[in-house]
Amino acid sequence: MFVLITYDVAVTTDDGKKRLRAISRECQNYGQRVQNSVFECILQYSTYKTLQKKLLSIMDKSADSLRFYVLGNSYKEKVEHYGAKPGYDPEGPLII
């Protein structure tokens, strides 16, 4: 299923900067960064719940914000891209 993860972490303290890096690093393990604090991920439901639990354990609920948009398996009809950064097919071939 396709999940869009967005976050806003308060970075006014050193702890906030550490949380920002930790959340970013964790999201990079599961998906593609499409904007500074936005990741697109193709995940199985169990993997999604594991990632969600990890991210929630990192964040400070009184200062930070996490949003999970579950677009499901027929996401291609729900996503439109315009602008400078080219879109990509998350289920297409991976070239390294």
Protein backbone atom coordinates (compact mmCIF):
# COMPACT_ATOMS: atom_id res chain seq x y z
CA MET A 1 0.00 0.00 0.00
CA PHE A 2 1.09 3.57 -0.64
CA VAL A 3 1.69 5.74 2.43
CA LEU A 4 2.64 9.40 2.47
CA ILE A 5 4.50 10.40 5.65
CA THR A 6 4.95 14.04 6.61
CA TYR A 7 6.56 15.48 9.69
CA ASP A 8 7.37 18.74 11.39
CA VAL A 9 9.93 18.54 14.18
CA ALA A 10 10.74 21.45 16.50
CA VAL A 11 14.49 22.04 16.07
CA THR A 12 15.03 24.83 18.57
CA THR A 13 16.98 22.45 20.84
CA ASP A 14 19.72 19.88 20.27
CA ASP A 15 17.24 17.14 21.18
CA GLY A 16 14.91 18.43 18.46
CA LYS A 17 17.70 18.30 15.87
CA LYS A 18 18.46 14.70 16.92
CA ARG A 19 14.79 13.74 16.59
CA LEU A 20 14.63 15.34 13.13
CA ARG A 21 17.65 13.35 11.94
CA ALA A 22 16.32 10.14 13.50
CA ILE A 23 12.88 10.48 11.88
CA SER A 24 14.42 11.39 8.53
CA ARG A 25 16.84 8.45 8.67
CA GLU A 26 14.06 6.02 9.58
CA CYS A 27 11.84 7.25 6.73
CA GLN A 28 14.75 6.94 4.26
CA ASN A 29 14.94 3.24 5.15
CA TYR A 30 11.39 2.72 3.91
CA GLY A 31 10.64 5.22 1.17
CA GLN A 32 11.58 8.01 -1.21
CA ARG A 33 11.97 11.60 -0.03
CA VAL A 34 9.85 13.82 -2.30
CA GLN A 35 10.13 17.05 -0.31
CA ASN A 36 12.16 18.07 2.74
CA SER A 37 9.84 16.47 5.29
CA VAL A 38 7.70 14.30 3.02
CA PHE A 39 8.26 10.65 2.10
CA GLU A 40 6.37 8.32 -0.22
CA CYS A 41 6.49 4.69 0.85
CA ILE A 42 5.22 1.42 -0.59
CA LEU A 43 4.67 -0.81 2.44
CA GLN A 44 2.95 -3.95 3.59
CA TYR A 45 0.46 -3.21 6.38
CA SER A 46 2.61 -4.89 9.05
CA THR A 47 5.69 -2.90 7.93
CA TYR A 48 3.64 0.30 7.98
CA LYS A 49 2.55 -0.34 11.57
CA THR A 50 6.15 -1.14 12.59
CA LEU A 51 7.43 2.08 11.00
CA GLN A 52 4.61 4.10 12.52
CA LYS A 53 5.43 2.73 15.98
CA LYS A 54 9.14 3.57 15.53
CA LEU A 55 8.42 7.13 14.40
CA LEU A 56 5.94 7.74 17.21
CA SER A 57 8.53 6.56 19.73
CA ILE A 58 11.07 9.07 18.37
CA MET A 59 8.85 12.15 18.24
CA ASP A 60 8.04 14.51 21.09
CA LYS A 61 4.25 14.60 21.08
CA SER A 62 4.19 18.01 22.78
CA ALA A 63 6.40 19.71 20.15
CA ASP A 64 6.45 17.66 16.93
CA SER A 65 3.89 16.56 14.36
CA LEU A 66 3.65 13.39 12.27
CA ARG A 67 1.02 12.66 9.62
CA PHE A 68 0.39 9.38 7.83
CA TYR A 69 -1.76 9.41 4.69
CA VAL A 70 -2.66 5.87 3.68
CA LEU A 71 -3.60 5.97 0.00
CA GLY A 72 -3.89 2.21 -0.42
CA ASN A 73 -3.06 0.13 -3.46
CA SER A 74 -4.82 2.18 -6.14
CA TYR A 75 -2.81 5.31 -5.34
CA LYS A 76 -1.80 6.10 -8.93
CA GLU A 77 -5.18 7.71 -9.59
CA LYS A 78 -4.86 9.78 -6.39
CA VAL A 79 -1.41 11.36 -6.92
CA GLU A 80 -0.76 14.25 -9.30
CA HIS A 81 2.67 15.86 -9.65
CA TYR A 82 3.51 19.27 -11.10
CA GLY A 83 6.73 21.23 -11.01
CA ALA A 84 10.48 20.94 -11.02
CA LYS A 85 11.23 17.63 -9.35
CA PRO A 86 10.35 14.78 -11.69
CA GLY A 87 7.91 12.19 -10.50
CA TYR A 88 8.94 8.56 -10.25
CA ASP A 89 7.29 5.15 -10.28
CA PRO A 90 7.84 3.69 -6.81
CA GLU A 91 7.02 0.22 -8.10
CA GLY A 92 9.20 0.55 -11.21
CA PRO A 93 12.66 -0.93 -11.68
CA LEU A 94 15.38 0.20 -9.28
CA ILE A 95 18.62 1.22 -10.97
CA ILE A 96 21.64 1.60 -8.74
